Amino acid sequence: MLTIIDLKIGGVYQTNLSDSPVRILGFDEKKVFYDVWWSIGDWCCRVSLRSKVSFYRTSVQIFLATAELIRVDALNENEISIIRPDLPFVTLQFDSINWTSKNYSTIELFKNEFINLKINLNKYGKVYIPKVVLIPFGVKGGRKKASVVEAINGEYFESIELLWNAHNIQSTHITERSLEKGIGIYRLGFEKGMPSYYIWGNHDEANIY
């Protein structure tokens, strides 16, 4: 049986996840994002880089249970630039605070809230992407319209900046009946040639994190 050290980005594996081989797009210690082989003779994500794509995903444990390495089909430069396997799969995950309906006009006002709550965001560091797609959730849990946000410096997001954007986007969909508790931002796939993340609670939708 393979272990996590045997996983490779671009690795093609036979598993019980699909009748056809699957190809790893990225992984961390808990989750694997993977691609599937289409009948047209290519990988789904490779031919869909300008479309809206949600990655196939599973836990590392489930993937390793049946995975057998066949070969390595490395991601090309175009795939790497859009898929961005180096980006975090989960960030800004807290169970002590919730999304609210309050909109913060400036990042400084938002930052002061965290200073008052004595919450430290430094452990999350920066997210090195100039633009990102953020997808809020609705009152009943379904996804709402995506928004594109741009880093203030044009290069990367500070943690507080990304969270400020996510909070303001999510604020218009929050009511007393909102289902999710806590906060978190989770990788979904890509859209409009940019990495996409969905806004959620203090766990991901698959309960892997």
N, C-alpha and C. Protein backbone atom coordinates (compact mmCIF):
# COMPACT_ATOMS: atom_id res chain seq x y z
N MET A 1 0.84 -1.20 0.00
CA MET A 1 0.00 0.00 0.00
C MET A 1 0.88 1.25 0.00
N LEU A 2 0.52 2.23 -0.84
CA LEU A 2 1.27 3.47 -0.90
C LEU A 2 1.07 4.30 0.36
N THR A 3 2.01 5.23 0.60
CA THR A 3 1.88 6.19 1.69
C THR A 3 1.91 7.59 1.11
N ILE A 4 1.72 8.59 1.94
CA ILE A 4 1.65 9.97 1.44
C ILE A 4 2.95 10.39 0.76
N ILE A 5 4.06 9.83 1.15
CA ILE A 5 5.33 10.20 0.50
C ILE A 5 5.40 9.68 -0.93
N ASP A 6 4.51 8.78 -1.29
CA ASP A 6 4.48 8.25 -2.66
C ASP A 6 3.60 9.10 -3.60
N LEU A 7 2.88 10.06 -3.05
CA LEU A 7 2.01 10.90 -3.88
C LEU A 7 2.83 11.94 -4.62
N LYS A 8 2.46 12.18 -5.88
CA LYS A 8 3.18 13.12 -6.73
C LYS A 8 2.18 13.97 -7.49
N ILE A 9 2.41 15.29 -7.53
CA ILE A 9 1.59 16.13 -8.39
C ILE A 9 1.85 15.74 -9.83
N GLY A 10 0.79 15.47 -10.56
CA GLY A 10 0.91 14.96 -11.92
C GLY A 10 0.95 13.44 -11.98
N GLY A 11 1.03 12.79 -10.82
CA GLY A 11 1.02 11.34 -10.79
C GLY A 11 -0.31 10.78 -11.27
N VAL A 12 -0.24 9.76 -12.10
CA VAL A 12 -1.44 9.10 -12.63
C VAL A 12 -1.60 7.78 -11.89
N TYR A 13 -2.78 7.58 -11.30
CA TYR A 13 -3.01 6.43 -10.44
C TYR A 13 -4.28 5.70 -10.85
N GLN A 14 -4.27 4.40 -10.66
CA GLN A 14 -5.49 3.63 -10.77
C GLN A 14 -6.04 3.50 -9.35
N THR A 15 -7.31 3.86 -9.19
CA THR A 15 -7.96 3.80 -7.87
C THR A 15 -9.38 3.29 -8.04
N ASN A 16 -10.08 3.19 -6.92
CA ASN A 16 -11.49 2.84 -7.02
C ASN A 16 -12.37 4.08 -7.12
N LEU A 17 -11.76 5.25 -7.30
CA LEU A 17 -12.52 6.50 -7.43
C LEU A 17 -13.14 6.64 -8.81
N SER A 18 -12.56 5.95 -9.80
CA SER A 18 -13.03 6.05 -11.18
C SER A 18 -12.60 4.80 -11.93
N ASP A 19 -13.38 4.43 -12.94
CA ASP A 19 -12.97 3.31 -13.78
C ASP A 19 -11.70 3.65 -14.56
N SER A 20 -11.55 4.92 -14.89
CA SER A 20 -10.36 5.39 -15.61
C SER A 20 -9.31 5.87 -14.61
N PRO A 21 -8.07 6.01 -15.04
CA PRO A 21 -7.04 6.54 -14.16
C PRO A 21 -7.37 7.97 -13.72
N VAL A 22 -6.81 8.37 -12.60
CA VAL A 22 -6.95 9.74 -12.12
C VAL A 22 -5.57 10.35 -11.97
N ARG A 23 -5.52 11.67 -11.97
CA ARG A 23 -4.24 12.39 -11.96
C ARG A 23 -4.26 13.43 -10.84
N ILE A 24 -3.27 13.41 -9.99
CA ILE A 24 -3.23 14.32 -8.85
C ILE A 24 -2.89 15.74 -9.30
N LEU A 25 -3.73 16.69 -8.88
CA LEU A 25 -3.51 18.10 -9.16
C LEU A 25 -2.88 18.83 -7.98
N GLY A 26 -3.02 18.27 -6.81
CA GLY A 26 -2.45 18.86 -5.61
C GLY A 26 -2.87 18.04 -4.40
N PHE A 27 -2.10 18.16 -3.33
CA PHE A 27 -2.46 17.44 -2.11
C PHE A 27 -1.76 18.09 -0.93
N ASP A 28 -2.34 17.88 0.25
CA ASP A 28 -1.68 18.23 1.49
C ASP A 28 -1.78 17.03 2.42
N GLU A 29 -1.64 17.22 3.71
CA GLU A 29 -1.63 16.08 4.62
C GLU A 29 -3.01 15.44 4.80
N LYS A 30 -4.07 16.13 4.34
CA LYS A 30 -5.42 15.60 4.55
C LYS A 30 -6.22 15.35 3.28
N LYS A 31 -5.99 16.15 2.25
CA LYS A 31 -6.87 16.11 1.08
C LYS A 31 -6.07 15.96 -0.20
N VAL A 32 -6.71 15.30 -1.18
CA VAL A 32 -6.15 15.17 -2.53
C VAL A 32 -7.14 15.76 -3.52
N PHE A 33 -6.64 16.65 -4.39
CA PHE A 33 -7.41 17.11 -5.54
C PHE A 33 -6.94 16.31 -6.74
N TYR A 34 -7.89 15.82 -7.55
CA TYR A 34 -7.47 15.00 -8.68
C TYR A 34 -8.30 15.29 -9.92
N ASP A 35 -7.77 14.90 -11.05
CA ASP A 35 -8.38 15.08 -12.36
C ASP A 35 -8.81 13.72 -12.88
N VAL A 36 -9.70 13.71 -13.86
CA VAL A 36 -10.15 12.46 -14.45
C VAL A 36 -9.90 12.49 -15.96
N TRP A 37 -9.71 11.31 -16.52
CA TRP A 37 -9.44 11.17 -17.95
C TRP A 37 -10.75 11.17 -18.71
N TRP A 38 -10.87 12.08 -19.70
CA TRP A 38 -12.08 12.15 -20.50
C TRP A 38 -11.99 11.24 -21.71
N SER A 39 -13.15 10.88 -22.22
CA SER A 39 -13.22 9.97 -23.37
C SER A 39 -12.65 10.62 -24.63
N ILE A 40 -12.51 11.95 -24.64
CA ILE A 40 -11.94 12.63 -25.81
C ILE A 40 -10.42 12.44 -25.88
N GLY A 41 -9.85 11.83 -24.84
CA GLY A 41 -8.43 11.51 -24.86
C GLY A 41 -7.55 12.54 -24.20
N ASP A 42 -8.06 13.19 -23.14
CA ASP A 42 -7.23 14.15 -22.41
C ASP A 42 -7.82 14.32 -21.01
N TRP A 43 -7.06 15.02 -20.15
CA TRP A 43 -7.52 15.27 -18.79
C TRP A 43 -8.55 16.40 -18.76
N CYS A 44 -9.54 16.25 -17.91
CA CYS A 44 -10.63 17.22 -17.81
C CYS A 44 -10.12 18.64 -17.60
N CYS A 45 -9.27 18.83 -16.59
CA CYS A 45 -8.80 20.18 -16.28
C CYS A 45 -7.91 20.76 -17.38
N ARG A 46 -7.15 19.91 -18.01
CA ARG A 46 -6.23 20.39 -19.05
C ARG A 46 -6.98 21.02 -20.21
N VAL A 47 -8.15 20.49 -20.54
CA VAL A 47 -8.92 21.03 -21.66
C VAL A 47 -9.97 22.03 -21.19
N SER A 48 -10.00 22.33 -19.90
CA SER A 48 -11.05 23.21 -19.36
C SER A 48 -10.47 24.39 -18.59
N LEU A 49 -9.24 24.78 -18.89
CA LEU A 49 -8.57 25.81 -18.10
C LEU A 49 -9.24 27.17 -18.19
N ARG A 50 -10.02 27.43 -19.21
CA ARG A 50 -10.72 28.70 -19.32
C ARG A 50 -12.19 28.58 -18.93
N SER A 51 -12.55 27.46 -18.35
CA SER A 51 -13.91 27.23 -17.89
C SER A 51 -13.98 27.34 -16.37
N LYS A 52 -15.16 27.09 -15.81
CA LYS A 52 -15.33 27.03 -14.37
C LYS A 52 -15.27 25.57 -13.94
N VAL A 53 -14.29 25.24 -13.10
CA VAL A 53 -14.06 23.85 -12.72
C VAL A 53 -13.95 23.73 -11.20
N SER A 54 -14.67 22.75 -10.65
CA SER A 54 -14.50 22.36 -9.25
C SER A 54 -13.72 21.07 -9.24
N PHE A 55 -12.62 21.05 -8.49
CA PHE A 55 -11.78 19.87 -8.47
C PHE A 55 -12.52 18.67 -7.87
N TYR A 56 -12.24 17.47 -8.39
CA TYR A 56 -12.59 16.26 -7.67
C TYR A 56 -11.71 16.21 -6.43
N ARG A 57 -12.25 15.71 -5.34
CA ARG A 57 -11.48 15.70 -4.09
C ARG A 57 -11.84 14.51 -3.24
N THR A 58 -10.89 14.10 -2.43
CA THR A 58 -11.12 13.03 -1.46
C THR A 58 -10.06 13.16 -0.37
N SER A 59 -10.20 12.38 0.67
CA SER A 59 -9.19 12.42 1.73
C SER A 59 -7.96 11.63 1.28
N VAL A 60 -6.81 11.99 1.82
CA VAL A 60 -5.58 11.25 1.54
C VAL A 60 -5.75 9.78 1.91
N GLN A 61 -6.40 9.52 3.02
CA GLN A 61 -6.59 8.15 3.50
C GLN A 61 -7.38 7.31 2.49
N ILE A 62 -8.47 7.87 1.98
CA ILE A 62 -9.29 7.13 1.00
C ILE A 62 -8.51 6.94 -0.30
N PHE A 63 -7.80 7.97 -0.73
CA PHE A 63 -7.05 7.87 -1.98
C PHE A 63 -5.99 6.77 -1.89
N LEU A 64 -5.25 6.76 -0.80
CA LEU A 64 -4.14 5.81 -0.65
C LEU A 64 -4.62 4.37 -0.49
N ALA A 65 -5.86 4.20 -0.06
CA ALA A 65 -6.37 2.85 0.22
C ALA A 65 -6.33 1.95 -1.01
N THR A 66 -6.49 2.55 -2.21
CA THR A 66 -6.53 1.71 -3.43
C THR A 66 -5.61 2.22 -4.52
N ALA A 67 -4.84 3.27 -4.27
CA ALA A 67 -4.04 3.89 -5.34
C ALA A 67 -2.86 3.04 -5.77
N GLU A 68 -2.66 2.95 -7.08
CA GLU A 68 -1.48 2.31 -7.66
C GLU A 68 -0.92 3.26 -8.72
N LEU A 69 0.32 3.65 -8.55
CA LEU A 69 0.95 4.60 -9.49
C LEU A 69 1.18 3.93 -10.84
N ILE A 70 0.73 4.61 -11.90
CA ILE A 70 0.91 4.11 -13.26
C ILE A 70 2.07 4.83 -13.95
N ARG A 71 2.04 6.16 -13.85
CA ARG A 71 3.08 6.98 -14.49
C ARG A 71 2.95 8.39 -13.93
N VAL A 72 3.79 9.30 -14.41
CA VAL A 72 3.68 10.72 -14.05
C VAL A 72 3.44 11.52 -15.32
N ASP A 73 2.38 12.29 -15.33
CA ASP A 73 2.05 13.20 -16.43
C ASP A 73 2.09 14.61 -15.85
N ALA A 74 3.27 15.21 -15.85
CA ALA A 74 3.50 16.47 -15.15
C ALA A 74 2.58 17.58 -15.66
N LEU A 75 2.17 18.47 -14.76
CA LEU A 75 1.39 19.64 -15.15
C LEU A 75 2.26 20.55 -16.01
N ASN A 76 1.69 21.03 -17.11
CA ASN A 76 2.46 21.96 -17.95
C ASN A 76 2.38 23.37 -17.36
N GLU A 77 3.12 24.31 -17.95
CA GLU A 77 3.20 25.67 -17.39
C GLU A 77 1.84 26.34 -17.32
N ASN A 78 1.02 26.13 -18.33
CA ASN A 78 -0.31 26.74 -18.35
C ASN A 78 -1.18 26.18 -17.24
N GLU A 79 -1.12 24.87 -17.04
CA GLU A 79 -1.89 24.25 -15.96
C GLU A 79 -1.43 24.78 -14.61
N ILE A 80 -0.14 24.85 -14.40
CA ILE A 80 0.39 25.30 -13.11
C ILE A 80 -0.05 26.73 -12.82
N SER A 81 -0.08 27.59 -13.83
CA SER A 81 -0.41 29.00 -13.62
C SER A 81 -1.86 29.20 -13.21
N ILE A 82 -2.74 28.28 -13.59
CA ILE A 82 -4.16 28.41 -13.26
C ILE A 82 -4.56 27.50 -12.11
N ILE A 83 -4.10 26.27 -12.11
CA ILE A 83 -4.43 25.33 -11.04
C ILE A 83 -3.76 25.74 -9.73
N ARG A 84 -2.53 26.22 -9.79
CA ARG A 84 -1.78 26.70 -8.64
C ARG A 84 -1.77 25.70 -7.48
N PRO A 85 -1.14 24.54 -7.67
CA PRO A 85 -1.10 23.53 -6.62
C PRO A 85 -0.34 23.97 -5.38
N ASP A 86 0.38 25.09 -5.48
CA ASP A 86 1.15 25.60 -4.34
C ASP A 86 0.30 26.37 -3.34
N LEU A 87 -0.90 26.79 -3.73
CA LEU A 87 -1.73 27.59 -2.85
C LEU A 87 -2.33 26.75 -1.73
N PRO A 88 -2.66 27.37 -0.59
CA PRO A 88 -3.25 26.60 0.52
C PRO A 88 -4.63 26.06 0.14
N PHE A 89 -4.93 24.86 0.64
CA PHE A 89 -6.25 24.27 0.41
C PHE A 89 -7.27 24.84 1.39
N VAL A 90 -6.81 25.27 2.54
CA VAL A 90 -7.69 25.84 3.56
C VAL A 90 -6.93 26.95 4.26
N THR A 91 -7.63 28.04 4.58
CA THR A 91 -6.98 29.14 5.28
C THR A 91 -8.01 29.89 6.11
N LEU A 92 -7.52 30.62 7.10
CA LEU A 92 -8.35 31.49 7.93
C LEU A 92 -9.54 30.74 8.50
N GLN A 93 -9.25 29.67 9.18
CA GLN A 93 -10.26 28.76 9.74
C GLN A 93 -10.33 28.98 11.26
N PHE A 94 -11.50 29.42 11.74
CA PHE A 94 -11.69 29.69 13.17
C PHE A 94 -13.06 29.20 13.61
N ASP A 95 -13.12 28.64 14.80
CA ASP A 95 -14.42 28.25 15.34
C ASP A 95 -14.94 29.23 16.39
N SER A 96 -14.15 30.24 16.73
CA SER A 96 -14.51 31.17 17.80
C SER A 96 -15.25 32.41 17.30
N ILE A 97 -15.32 32.60 15.97
CA ILE A 97 -16.01 33.75 15.40
C ILE A 97 -16.87 33.28 14.23
N ASN A 98 -17.85 34.12 13.85
CA ASN A 98 -18.76 33.78 12.76
C ASN A 98 -18.78 34.90 11.73
N TRP A 99 -19.18 34.57 10.51
CA TRP A 99 -19.48 35.59 9.53
C TRP A 99 -20.67 36.41 10.04
N THR A 100 -20.68 37.70 9.77
CA THR A 100 -21.80 38.54 10.20
C THR A 100 -22.31 39.35 9.01
N SER A 101 -23.41 40.04 9.23
CA SER A 101 -24.01 40.87 8.16
C SER A 101 -23.41 42.26 8.11
N LYS A 102 -22.43 42.55 8.97
CA LYS A 102 -21.82 43.87 9.01
C LYS A 102 -20.82 44.03 7.86
N ASN A 103 -20.90 45.15 7.17
CA ASN A 103 -19.95 45.45 6.10
C ASN A 103 -18.93 46.46 6.60
N TYR A 104 -17.66 46.20 6.35
CA TYR A 104 -16.58 47.07 6.79
C TYR A 104 -16.04 47.84 5.60
N SER A 105 -16.17 49.16 5.65
CA SER A 105 -15.80 50.00 4.50
C SER A 105 -14.30 50.05 4.26
N THR A 106 -13.52 49.85 5.33
CA THR A 106 -12.07 49.87 5.17
C THR A 106 -11.45 48.66 5.87
N ILE A 107 -10.28 48.29 5.41
CA ILE A 107 -9.59 47.16 6.02
C ILE A 107 -9.14 47.49 7.44
N GLU A 108 -8.91 48.77 7.73
CA GLU A 108 -8.49 49.16 9.08
C GLU A 108 -9.61 48.94 10.08
N LEU A 109 -10.84 49.25 9.73
CA LEU A 109 -11.98 49.01 10.61
C LEU A 109 -12.11 47.52 10.91
N PHE A 110 -11.92 46.72 9.88
CA PHE A 110 -12.01 45.27 10.05
C PHE A 110 -10.88 44.75 10.93
N LYS A 111 -9.69 45.26 10.70
CA LYS A 111 -8.52 44.84 11.48
C LYS A 111 -8.72 45.15 12.97
N ASN A 112 -9.33 46.29 13.28
CA ASN A 112 -9.57 46.67 14.66
C ASN A 112 -10.46 45.68 15.38
N GLU A 113 -11.40 45.08 14.66
CA GLU A 113 -12.28 44.07 15.26
C GLU A 113 -11.44 42.88 15.75
N PHE A 114 -10.48 42.47 14.97
CA PHE A 114 -9.65 41.33 15.35
C PHE A 114 -8.68 41.69 16.47
N ILE A 115 -8.23 42.94 16.47
CA ILE A 115 -7.38 43.39 17.57
C ILE A 115 -8.17 43.36 18.88
N ASN A 116 -9.41 43.82 18.82
CA ASN A 116 -10.25 43.83 20.02
C ASN A 116 -10.57 42.43 20.51
N LEU A 117 -10.70 41.49 19.57
CA LEU A 117 -10.99 40.10 19.93
C LEU A 117 -9.73 39.31 20.29
N LYS A 118 -8.58 39.95 20.12
CA LYS A 118 -7.28 39.33 20.41
C LYS A 118 -7.07 38.06 19.59
N ILE A 119 -7.47 38.13 18.32
CA ILE A 119 -7.29 37.00 17.40
C ILE A 119 -6.07 37.28 16.51
N ASN A 120 -5.15 36.34 16.48
CA ASN A 120 -3.91 36.50 15.72
C ASN A 120 -4.01 35.79 14.38
N LEU A 121 -3.86 36.56 13.30
CA LEU A 121 -3.93 35.99 11.95
C LEU A 121 -2.55 35.69 11.38
N ASN A 122 -1.51 36.03 12.10
CA ASN A 122 -0.16 35.94 11.55
C ASN A 122 0.24 34.53 11.12
N LYS A 123 -0.31 33.51 11.78
CA LYS A 123 0.10 32.14 11.46
C LYS A 123 -0.30 31.73 10.04
N TYR A 124 -1.23 32.47 9.43
CA TYR A 124 -1.69 32.10 8.10
C TYR A 124 -0.85 32.71 6.99
N GLY A 125 -0.07 33.72 7.30
CA GLY A 125 0.82 34.28 6.31
C GLY A 125 0.10 34.89 5.12
N LYS A 126 0.80 34.95 4.00
CA LYS A 126 0.28 35.58 2.79
C LYS A 126 -0.24 34.53 1.81
N VAL A 127 -1.15 34.92 0.94
CA VAL A 127 -1.62 34.07 -0.16
C VAL A 127 -1.10 34.70 -1.44
N TYR A 128 -0.17 34.02 -2.09
CA TYR A 128 0.57 34.61 -3.21
C TYR A 128 -0.18 34.44 -4.53
N ILE A 129 -1.19 35.29 -4.70
CA ILE A 129 -1.96 35.34 -5.92
C ILE A 129 -2.49 36.76 -6.06
N PRO A 130 -2.41 37.39 -7.26
CA PRO A 130 -2.86 38.78 -7.40
C PRO A 130 -4.37 38.94 -7.46
N LYS A 131 -5.05 37.89 -7.93
CA LYS A 131 -6.52 37.91 -8.02
C LYS A 131 -7.04 36.54 -7.61
N VAL A 132 -8.24 36.52 -7.04
CA VAL A 132 -8.83 35.26 -6.64
C VAL A 132 -10.34 35.36 -6.73
N VAL A 133 -10.98 34.23 -7.00
CA VAL A 133 -12.44 34.15 -7.03
C VAL A 133 -12.92 33.64 -5.68
N LEU A 134 -13.82 34.39 -5.04
CA LEU A 134 -14.40 34.00 -3.76
C LEU A 134 -15.89 33.74 -3.94
N ILE A 135 -16.37 32.62 -3.39
CA ILE A 135 -17.75 32.19 -3.60
C ILE A 135 -18.44 32.08 -2.25
N PRO A 136 -19.41 32.95 -1.97
CA PRO A 136 -20.13 32.89 -0.69
C PRO A 136 -21.19 31.80 -0.68
N PHE A 137 -21.72 31.53 0.51
CA PHE A 137 -22.81 30.56 0.61
C PHE A 137 -24.11 31.27 0.99
N GLY A 138 -25.24 30.68 0.61
CA GLY A 138 -26.54 31.25 0.91
C GLY A 138 -27.08 30.79 2.25
N VAL A 139 -28.24 31.29 2.60
CA VAL A 139 -28.87 30.98 3.88
C VAL A 139 -29.05 29.49 4.07
N LYS A 140 -29.39 28.78 3.00
CA LYS A 140 -29.63 27.34 3.09
C LYS A 140 -28.41 26.51 2.71
N GLY A 141 -27.29 27.18 2.49
CA GLY A 141 -26.04 26.46 2.26
C GLY A 141 -25.55 26.41 0.84
N GLY A 142 -26.42 26.69 -0.16
CA GLY A 142 -25.98 26.64 -1.55
C GLY A 142 -25.04 27.78 -1.89
N ARG A 143 -24.26 27.62 -2.94
CA ARG A 143 -23.32 28.65 -3.35
C ARG A 143 -24.03 29.79 -4.08
N LYS A 144 -23.55 30.99 -3.82
CA LYS A 144 -24.08 32.18 -4.46
C LYS A 144 -23.09 32.68 -5.52
N LYS A 145 -23.40 33.82 -6.12
CA LYS A 145 -22.59 34.35 -7.22
C LYS A 145 -21.17 34.64 -6.76
N ALA A 146 -20.21 34.25 -7.58
CA ALA A 146 -18.80 34.45 -7.26
C ALA A 146 -18.40 35.91 -7.47
N SER A 147 -17.37 36.31 -6.72
CA SER A 147 -16.79 37.64 -6.86
C SER A 147 -15.29 37.51 -7.08
N VAL A 148 -14.75 38.37 -7.94
CA VAL A 148 -13.31 38.43 -8.15
C VAL A 148 -12.76 39.56 -7.31
N VAL A 149 -11.74 39.27 -6.51
CA VAL A 149 -11.10 40.31 -5.70
C VAL A 149 -9.62 40.39 -6.09
N GLU A 150 -9.09 41.60 -6.01
CA GLU A 150 -7.70 41.84 -6.38
C GLU A 150 -6.91 42.30 -5.16
N ALA A 151 -5.69 41.81 -5.06
CA ALA A 151 -4.81 42.21 -3.96
C ALA A 151 -4.48 43.69 -4.07
N ILE A 152 -4.43 44.37 -2.95
CA ILE A 152 -4.15 45.81 -2.92
C ILE A 152 -2.81 46.12 -3.56
N ASN A 153 -1.81 45.27 -3.28
CA ASN A 153 -0.47 45.53 -3.82
C ASN A 153 -0.25 44.91 -5.20
N GLY A 154 -1.28 44.23 -5.73
CA GLY A 154 -1.19 43.67 -7.07
C GLY A 154 -0.39 42.39 -7.17
N GLU A 155 0.09 41.87 -6.02
CA GLU A 155 0.93 40.68 -6.04
C GLU A 155 0.42 39.56 -5.15
N TYR A 156 0.03 39.89 -3.90
CA TYR A 156 -0.41 38.86 -2.96
C TYR A 156 -1.35 39.46 -1.93
N PHE A 157 -2.09 38.57 -1.24
CA PHE A 157 -3.00 38.99 -0.20
C PHE A 157 -2.39 38.77 1.18
N GLU A 158 -2.41 39.80 2.00
CA GLU A 158 -2.18 39.59 3.42
C GLU A 158 -3.41 38.85 3.96
N SER A 159 -3.24 38.10 5.06
CA SER A 159 -4.35 37.34 5.62
C SER A 159 -5.54 38.22 5.95
N ILE A 160 -5.29 39.35 6.61
CA ILE A 160 -6.38 40.23 7.00
C ILE A 160 -7.10 40.80 5.78
N GLU A 161 -6.37 41.03 4.70
CA GLU A 161 -6.97 41.56 3.47
C GLU A 161 -7.89 40.55 2.82
N LEU A 162 -7.44 39.30 2.74
CA LEU A 162 -8.28 38.25 2.15
C LEU A 162 -9.53 38.03 2.99
N LEU A 163 -9.37 38.02 4.30
CA LEU A 163 -10.51 37.80 5.19
C LEU A 163 -11.49 38.96 5.14
N TRP A 164 -10.98 40.17 5.03
CA TRP A 164 -11.83 41.36 4.89
C TRP A 164 -12.69 41.26 3.64
N ASN A 165 -12.08 40.89 2.52
CA ASN A 165 -12.84 40.72 1.29
C ASN A 165 -13.89 39.63 1.43
N ALA A 166 -13.49 38.49 1.99
CA ALA A 166 -14.43 37.38 2.14
C ALA A 166 -15.59 37.76 3.05
N HIS A 167 -15.29 38.46 4.14
CA HIS A 167 -16.36 38.85 5.07
C HIS A 167 -17.37 39.78 4.41
N ASN A 168 -16.88 40.78 3.68
CA ASN A 168 -17.81 41.71 3.04
C ASN A 168 -18.64 41.03 1.96
N ILE A 169 -18.04 40.09 1.24
CA ILE A 169 -18.80 39.33 0.23
C ILE A 169 -19.86 38.47 0.91
N GLN A 170 -19.48 37.78 1.98
CA GLN A 170 -20.42 36.90 2.67
C GLN A 170 -21.48 37.67 3.45
N SER A 171 -21.18 38.89 3.85
CA SER A 171 -22.09 39.65 4.74
C SER A 171 -23.48 39.85 4.15
N THR A 172 -23.58 39.92 2.83
CA THR A 172 -24.88 40.16 2.20
C THR A 172 -25.76 38.92 2.19
N HIS A 173 -25.21 37.78 2.60
CA HIS A 173 -25.98 36.52 2.59
C HIS A 173 -26.19 35.96 3.99
N ILE A 174 -25.85 36.73 5.01
CA ILE A 174 -25.95 36.25 6.39
C ILE A 174 -27.26 36.70 7.03
N THR A 175 -27.97 35.77 7.66
CA THR A 175 -29.14 36.08 8.47
C THR A 175 -29.08 35.21 9.73
N GLU A 176 -30.04 35.37 10.60
CA GLU A 176 -30.08 34.56 11.82
C GLU A 176 -30.28 33.08 11.50
N ARG A 177 -30.76 32.79 10.29
CA ARG A 177 -31.03 31.39 9.92
C ARG A 177 -29.85 30.74 9.21
N SER A 178 -28.76 31.47 9.03
CA SER A 178 -27.61 30.89 8.34
C SER A 178 -27.12 29.65 9.06
N LEU A 179 -26.76 28.64 8.28
CA LEU A 179 -26.48 27.31 8.83
C LEU A 179 -25.10 27.18 9.42
N GLU A 180 -24.13 27.82 8.82
CA GLU A 180 -22.75 27.53 9.17
C GLU A 180 -22.24 28.36 10.36
N LYS A 181 -21.51 27.69 11.25
CA LYS A 181 -20.87 28.34 12.38
C LYS A 181 -19.36 28.35 12.19
N GLY A 182 -18.71 29.36 12.77
CA GLY A 182 -17.28 29.50 12.54
C GLY A 182 -17.02 30.05 11.15
N ILE A 183 -15.75 30.19 10.81
CA ILE A 183 -15.40 30.70 9.48
C ILE A 183 -14.26 29.88 8.89
N GLY A 184 -14.16 29.93 7.58
CA GLY A 184 -13.07 29.27 6.88
C GLY A 184 -13.16 29.57 5.39
N ILE A 185 -12.03 29.50 4.71
CA ILE A 185 -11.97 29.72 3.26
C ILE A 185 -11.27 28.50 2.66
N TYR A 186 -11.91 27.85 1.69
CA TYR A 186 -11.46 26.55 1.20
C TYR A 186 -11.32 26.54 -0.32
N ARG A 187 -10.28 25.90 -0.80
CA ARG A 187 -10.03 25.83 -2.25
C ARG A 187 -11.11 25.00 -2.92
N LEU A 188 -11.63 25.53 -4.03
CA LEU A 188 -12.66 24.84 -4.79
C LEU A 188 -12.14 24.35 -6.13
N GLY A 189 -11.49 25.22 -6.88
CA GLY A 189 -11.00 24.85 -8.22
C GLY A 189 -10.46 26.09 -8.90
N PHE A 190 -11.00 26.40 -10.10
CA PHE A 190 -10.61 27.63 -10.79
C PHE A 190 -11.77 28.13 -11.63
N GLU A 191 -11.73 29.42 -11.93
CA GLU A 191 -12.79 30.07 -12.68
C GLU A 191 -12.21 31.32 -13.32
N LYS A 192 -12.54 31.58 -14.56
CA LYS A 192 -12.05 32.77 -15.27
C LYS A 192 -10.52 32.83 -15.27
N GLY A 193 -9.89 31.67 -15.30
CA GLY A 193 -8.43 31.62 -15.34
C GLY A 193 -7.77 31.91 -14.01
N MET A 194 -8.54 31.90 -12.91
CA MET A 194 -8.02 32.21 -11.58
C MET A 194 -8.42 31.12 -10.59
N PRO A 195 -7.61 30.90 -9.56
CA PRO A 195 -8.00 29.96 -8.51
C PRO A 195 -9.29 30.43 -7.83
N SER A 196 -10.14 29.48 -7.45
CA SER A 196 -11.38 29.83 -6.76
C SER A 196 -11.41 29.18 -5.37
N TYR A 197 -12.01 29.90 -4.44
CA TYR A 197 -12.19 29.44 -3.06
C TYR A 197 -13.64 29.64 -2.65
N TYR A 198 -14.17 28.72 -1.86
CA TYR A 198 -15.51 28.92 -1.32
C TYR A 198 -15.43 29.30 0.15
N ILE A 199 -16.33 30.18 0.54
CA ILE A 199 -16.45 30.65 1.91
C ILE A 199 -17.39 29.70 2.64
N TRP A 200 -17.02 29.32 3.87
CA TRP A 200 -17.83 28.33 4.59
C TRP A 200 -17.60 28.51 6.09
N GLY A 201 -17.93 27.49 6.88
CA GLY A 201 -17.77 27.57 8.31
C GLY A 201 -16.40 27.06 8.78
N ASN A 202 -16.33 26.56 9.99
CA ASN A 202 -15.03 26.16 10.55
C ASN A 202 -14.64 24.74 10.18
N HIS A 203 -15.27 24.18 9.17
CA HIS A 203 -14.90 22.88 8.59
C HIS A 203 -15.24 22.96 7.11
N ASP A 204 -14.60 22.14 6.31
CA ASP A 204 -14.91 22.14 4.87
C ASP A 204 -16.15 21.31 4.61
N GLU A 205 -16.68 21.39 3.40
CA GLU A 205 -17.94 20.72 3.08
C GLU A 205 -17.83 19.20 3.18
N ALA A 206 -16.65 18.66 2.97
CA ALA A 206 -16.46 17.21 3.02
C ALA A 206 -16.05 16.72 4.41
N ASN A 207 -15.94 17.65 5.35
CA ASN A 207 -15.53 17.31 6.73
C ASN A 207 -14.16 16.64 6.79
N ILE A 208 -13.28 17.01 5.87
CA ILE A 208 -11.90 16.50 5.91
C ILE A 208 -11.06 17.37 6.83
N TYR A 209 -11.35 18.71 6.80
CA TYR A 209 -10.63 19.62 7.68
C TYR A 209 -11.51 19.93 8.89
